[in-house]
Amino acid sequence: MPTPALPHAVSRLRTARLARSAKPFLARGGPRGERCAGCRLLPSHCLCALRPAVPVRAGVCLLMADIEPLKPSNTGWLVADVVADTFAFGWARTEADPALLALLADPQWQPYLVFPGEFVAPGRVVAEVQPAASDTSRRPLFVLLDATWPEARKMFRKSPYLDHLPVLSLQSEQLSRYRLRRSRRADHFCTSEVAALCLELAGEPHAAQTLAAYLEVFTQHYLLAKQQRPVDLEDPAHQDLRSLRLPHGAEGRQSSPSVP
């Protein structure tokens, strides 16, 4: 069995959200579906031993719609698995978490709100970010609205504390490969795909490729669990991830996940 990882920001947010629930949250599959606490998959399809450990200098701030942390299909969890400095906050229309405001004001970070430029005043939109590799520059912090598209648009409109941030508009020509939830548009990306594109822009291609490969493996485990079929650890997706990930302890995490 793999050594259990310390709870990351999304895991802690999930625990806090469950504690506030008046009734238990039942993911698809019914009340009997026991799930691993480390990866949210059925124990027979556990992903924990495949969790990558790669150095990442950029950070990610997930602003999550109410029940996103509870969904086993949520891919913000994968971002927190890979990017050590991932922060997660629940979104509320009437107030902002003081810890979120402190993070956005922290001088070590250069925050970028990631959102389609077509919905933003042109003066706020940027297409490039400061490289993460420079030790003298502020580290890029990508603020992602982790929600369905209608929810994300609402969050963007009703979060005035984000209005001062530059908006990073991704110009990817690739189509989403996410298969766990349906979207009407193939150019709508899941949270993990967006984070990988951001890491690529920040000059961290290895981390970006690792996160993309990890998403593909997670998707396979998730779907095979639903189909009650075994995982093939030697298939191309798993081989691709193994070729990218570093063994646990070989390089270590660049930094411990920060507590907001």
Protein backbone atom coordinates (compact mmCIF):
# COMPACT_ATOMS: atom_id res chain seq x y z
CA MET A 1 0.00 0.00 0.00
CA PRO A 2 1.29 3.51 -0.78
CA THR A 3 2.14 5.84 2.07
CA PRO A 4 -0.91 8.07 2.63
CA ALA A 5 -0.31 11.64 1.47
CA LEU A 6 -1.12 14.54 3.73
CA PRO A 7 -4.53 16.05 2.94
CA HIS A 8 -4.12 18.78 0.34
CA ALA A 9 -6.20 21.94 -0.02
CA VAL A 10 -9.05 20.36 -1.98
CA SER A 11 -9.23 17.44 0.43
CA ARG A 12 -9.42 19.83 3.39
CA LEU A 13 -12.11 21.88 1.65
CA ARG A 14 -14.09 18.71 0.98
CA THR A 15 -13.86 17.75 4.66
CA ALA A 16 -15.04 21.20 5.73
CA ARG A 17 -17.92 21.11 3.23
CA LEU A 18 -19.04 17.68 4.43
CA ALA A 19 -19.00 18.92 8.01
CA ARG A 20 -21.50 21.64 7.06
CA SER A 21 -23.85 19.27 5.25
CA ALA A 22 -27.25 18.65 6.79
CA LYS A 23 -27.41 15.26 5.07
CA PRO A 24 -24.73 12.96 3.61
CA PHE A 25 -23.54 13.61 0.06
CA LEU A 26 -24.06 10.51 -2.06
CA ALA A 27 -22.04 10.37 -5.24
CA ARG A 28 -23.38 8.43 -8.18
CA GLY A 29 -23.26 4.74 -7.43
CA GLY A 30 -25.41 4.85 -4.31
CA PRO A 31 -24.69 4.67 -0.59
CA ARG A 32 -22.76 1.38 -0.74
CA GLY A 33 -19.96 2.75 -2.94
CA GLU A 34 -16.96 2.83 -0.60
CA ARG A 35 -14.32 5.21 -1.91
CA CYS A 36 -10.64 5.72 -1.15
CA ALA A 37 -10.10 8.86 0.91
CA GLY A 38 -6.94 9.66 -1.04
CA CYS A 39 -8.27 9.57 -4.61
CA ARG A 40 -12.09 9.22 -4.26
CA LEU A 41 -12.13 6.10 -6.44
CA LEU A 42 -13.35 2.65 -5.51
CA PRO A 43 -10.61 0.83 -3.55
CA SER A 44 -10.30 -1.74 -6.34
CA HIS A 45 -9.31 1.06 -8.73
CA CYS A 46 -7.29 3.22 -6.30
CA LEU A 47 -4.97 5.76 -7.92
CA CYS A 48 -2.89 6.74 -4.90
CA ALA A 49 0.20 4.71 -5.82
CA LEU A 50 0.37 6.57 -9.15
CA ARG A 51 0.24 10.08 -7.71
CA PRO A 52 3.09 12.05 -9.35
CA ALA A 53 5.71 14.01 -7.45
CA VAL A 54 7.15 16.74 -9.66
CA PRO A 55 8.70 20.11 -8.77
CA VAL A 56 6.37 22.99 -9.65
CA ARG A 57 7.14 26.62 -8.95
CA ALA A 58 3.80 28.06 -10.10
CA GLY A 59 0.76 27.95 -7.84
CA VAL A 60 -2.92 27.35 -8.42
CA CYS A 61 -5.82 28.90 -6.54
CA LEU A 62 -9.10 27.03 -6.98
CA LEU A 63 -12.25 29.00 -6.29
CA MET A 64 -14.78 26.19 -6.12
CA ALA A 65 -18.55 26.17 -6.51
CA ASP A 66 -20.44 24.80 -3.54
CA ILE A 67 -20.50 21.04 -4.21
CA GLU A 68 -17.47 20.74 -6.53
CA PRO A 69 -15.18 19.47 -3.75
CA LEU A 70 -17.65 16.67 -3.07
CA LYS A 71 -17.79 15.28 -6.61
CA PRO A 72 -15.56 12.23 -7.23
CA SER A 73 -15.19 13.40 -10.85
CA ASN A 74 -13.81 16.81 -9.83
CA THR A 75 -10.38 17.29 -11.41
CA GLY A 76 -9.29 20.18 -9.20
CA TRP A 77 -8.31 17.35 -6.83
CA LEU A 78 -5.79 16.15 -9.44
CA VAL A 79 -4.31 19.63 -9.70
CA ALA A 80 -3.75 19.64 -5.93
CA ASP A 81 -2.14 16.19 -6.21
CA VAL A 82 0.45 17.48 -8.69
CA VAL A 83 0.94 21.18 -7.83
CA ALA A 84 2.22 21.46 -4.26
CA ASP A 85 1.14 25.08 -3.86
CA THR A 86 -2.53 24.57 -4.62
CA PHE A 87 -5.01 26.58 -2.58
CA ALA A 88 -8.75 25.88 -2.51
CA PHE A 89 -11.63 28.08 -1.35
CA GLY A 90 -15.36 27.72 -1.51
CA TRP A 91 -17.14 30.48 -3.42
CA ALA A 92 -19.97 32.48 -1.88
CA ARG A 93 -21.85 35.33 -3.53
CA THR A 94 -22.05 37.49 -0.42
CA GLU A 95 -18.55 37.25 1.02
CA ALA A 96 -14.94 36.40 0.30
CA ASP A 97 -12.74 34.23 2.49
CA PRO A 98 -10.19 36.50 4.24
CA ALA A 99 -7.51 33.88 3.55
CA LEU A 100 -8.25 34.15 -0.18
CA LEU A 101 -7.89 37.93 -0.09
CA ALA A 102 -4.60 37.57 1.82
CA LEU A 103 -3.31 35.10 -0.75
CA LEU A 104 -4.16 37.39 -3.67
CA ALA A 105 -2.30 40.22 -1.92
CA ASP A 106 0.77 38.15 -1.03
CA PRO A 107 3.76 39.81 -2.77
CA GLN A 108 5.42 36.49 -3.65
CA TRP A 109 2.61 35.77 -6.12
CA GLN A 110 1.46 37.31 -9.40
CA PRO A 111 -2.18 36.21 -9.67
CA TYR A 112 -3.87 35.64 -13.02
CA LEU A 113 -7.60 35.02 -13.25
CA VAL A 114 -8.11 32.43 -15.97
CA PHE A 115 -11.24 33.12 -18.02
CA PRO A 116 -12.22 33.43 -21.71
CA GLY A 117 -11.21 36.83 -23.05
CA GLU A 118 -14.40 37.20 -25.09
CA PHE A 119 -16.31 37.98 -21.88
CA VAL A 120 -13.79 40.49 -20.51
CA ALA A 121 -12.92 44.12 -21.25
CA PRO A 122 -9.89 44.04 -23.61
CA GLY A 123 -7.71 46.08 -21.26
CA ARG A 124 -7.70 43.31 -18.65
CA VAL A 125 -6.81 40.44 -20.95
CA VAL A 126 -3.29 39.01 -21.19
CA ALA A 127 -2.07 36.08 -23.26
CA GLU A 128 1.34 35.56 -21.60
CA VAL A 129 2.56 35.09 -18.03
CA GLN A 130 5.82 35.68 -16.22
CA PRO A 131 7.98 32.54 -16.41
CA ALA A 132 7.88 30.46 -13.26
CA ALA A 133 11.58 29.56 -13.55
CA SER A 134 12.95 32.97 -12.61
CA ASP A 135 13.91 33.17 -8.94
CA THR A 136 13.75 36.95 -9.02
CA SER A 137 10.21 37.32 -10.36
CA ARG A 138 6.93 36.88 -8.56
CA ARG A 139 5.62 33.36 -8.93
CA PRO A 140 2.56 32.96 -11.16
CA LEU A 141 -0.62 32.04 -9.32
CA PHE A 142 -3.41 30.84 -11.58
CA VAL A 143 -6.88 31.54 -10.20
CA LEU A 144 -9.30 28.97 -11.64
CA LEU A 145 -13.08 29.07 -11.25
CA ASP A 146 -13.81 25.40 -10.60
CA ALA A 147 -17.45 25.04 -11.55
CA THR A 148 -19.81 24.27 -14.39
CA TRP A 149 -19.72 26.87 -17.16
CA PRO A 150 -22.96 28.64 -16.07
CA GLU A 151 -21.70 28.70 -12.47
CA ALA A 152 -18.28 29.99 -13.54
CA ARG A 153 -19.83 32.91 -15.45
CA LYS A 154 -21.89 33.80 -12.38
CA MET A 155 -18.80 33.60 -10.16
CA PHE A 156 -16.88 35.85 -12.55
CA ARG A 157 -19.62 38.51 -12.56
CA LYS A 158 -20.28 38.45 -8.82
CA SER A 159 -16.74 38.41 -7.39
CA PRO A 160 -15.69 42.09 -7.25
CA TYR A 161 -12.55 41.19 -5.28
CA LEU A 162 -11.24 39.59 -8.49
CA ASP A 163 -11.86 42.65 -10.66
CA HIS A 164 -8.31 44.01 -10.23
CA LEU A 165 -6.63 40.84 -11.51
CA PRO A 166 -5.32 40.48 -15.06
CA VAL A 167 -7.35 37.93 -16.98
CA LEU A 168 -5.41 35.18 -18.69
CA SER A 169 -7.28 34.07 -21.80
CA LEU A 170 -6.08 30.69 -23.05
CA GLN A 171 -5.67 30.41 -26.80
CA SER A 172 -5.34 26.65 -27.15
CA GLU A 173 -6.30 25.04 -30.44
CA GLN A 174 -6.67 21.62 -28.84
CA LEU A 175 -10.05 20.13 -27.95
CA SER A 176 -10.98 18.83 -24.53
CA ARG A 177 -10.42 15.11 -23.96
CA TYR A 178 -12.33 15.09 -20.67
CA ARG A 179 -14.85 12.24 -20.63
CA LEU A 180 -16.38 12.26 -17.16
CA ARG A 181 -18.93 15.05 -17.61
CA ARG A 182 -20.67 16.27 -20.72
CA SER A 183 -20.24 19.73 -22.19
CA ARG A 184 -21.97 21.20 -25.19
CA ARG A 185 -18.70 22.56 -26.51
CA ALA A 186 -15.50 20.61 -27.18
CA ASP A 187 -13.43 23.72 -26.45
CA HIS A 188 -14.61 23.83 -22.84
CA PHE A 189 -11.87 22.32 -20.69
CA CYS A 190 -12.05 20.65 -17.33
CA THR A 191 -10.13 22.25 -14.45
CA SER A 192 -7.17 19.90 -14.74
CA GLU A 193 -6.81 20.61 -18.47
CA VAL A 194 -6.91 24.36 -17.83
CA ALA A 195 -4.23 24.04 -15.14
CA ALA A 196 -2.00 22.04 -17.51
CA LEU A 197 -2.31 24.74 -20.18
CA CYS A 198 -1.40 27.37 -17.56
CA LEU A 199 1.68 25.44 -16.45
CA GLU A 200 2.79 25.21 -20.07
CA LEU A 201 2.48 28.99 -20.43
CA ALA A 202 4.47 29.42 -17.21
CA GLY A 203 7.40 27.53 -18.72
CA GLU A 204 6.83 24.29 -16.81
CA PRO A 205 6.20 21.79 -19.63
CA HIS A 206 7.13 18.69 -17.61
CA ALA A 207 4.59 19.51 -14.92
CA ALA A 208 2.00 20.29 -17.61
CA GLN A 209 2.57 16.99 -19.39
CA THR A 210 2.52 15.08 -16.11
CA LEU A 211 -0.80 16.61 -15.08
CA ALA A 212 -2.30 15.82 -18.49
CA ALA A 213 -1.11 12.20 -18.29
CA TYR A 214 -2.37 11.90 -14.71
CA LEU A 215 -5.82 13.12 -15.81
CA GLU A 216 -5.92 10.47 -18.54
CA VAL A 217 -5.05 7.71 -16.06
CA PHE A 218 -7.58 9.01 -13.52
CA THR A 219 -10.25 9.05 -16.22
CA GLN A 220 -9.49 5.45 -17.12
CA HIS A 221 -9.64 4.28 -13.51
CA TYR A 222 -12.90 6.18 -12.93
CA LEU A 223 -14.65 4.80 -16.01
CA LEU A 224 -13.39 1.24 -15.54
CA ALA A 225 -14.63 1.29 -11.96
CA LYS A 226 -18.10 2.27 -13.21
CA GLN A 227 -17.96 -0.55 -15.75
CA GLN A 228 -16.64 -3.02 -13.14
CA ARG A 229 -13.66 -3.80 -15.35
CA PRO A 230 -10.04 -4.20 -14.16
CA VAL A 231 -7.30 -1.65 -14.79
CA ASP A 232 -4.46 -2.51 -17.16
CA LEU A 233 -1.39 -0.95 -15.56
CA GLU A 234 0.63 -1.61 -18.72
CA ASP A 235 -1.62 0.21 -21.18
CA PRO A 236 -0.29 3.29 -23.04
CA ALA A 237 -1.81 5.78 -20.59
CA HIS A 238 -0.09 4.22 -17.58
CA GLN A 239 3.19 3.85 -19.45
CA ASP A 240 3.01 7.50 -20.45
CA LEU A 241 2.49 8.59 -16.84
CA ARG A 242 5.33 6.37 -15.60
CA SER A 243 7.68 7.92 -18.14
CA LEU A 244 6.92 11.39 -16.75
CA ARG A 245 6.43 11.00 -13.02
CA LEU A 246 9.24 11.02 -10.49
CA PRO A 247 9.36 8.35 -7.77
CA HIS A 248 8.07 9.52 -4.41
CA GLY A 249 11.04 10.75 -2.39
CA ALA A 250 13.44 10.93 -5.34
CA GLU A 251 13.08 14.65 -5.78
CA GLY A 252 10.52 15.43 -3.12
CA ARG A 253 7.83 18.02 -3.42
CA GLN A 254 9.28 21.44 -4.09
CA SER A 255 7.27 22.78 -1.20
CA SER A 256 4.70 21.43 1.17
CA PRO A 257 1.10 22.26 0.31
CA SER A 258 0.37 25.55 2.02
CA VAL A 259 -2.55 25.89 4.37
CA PRO A 260 -4.69 28.85 3.32
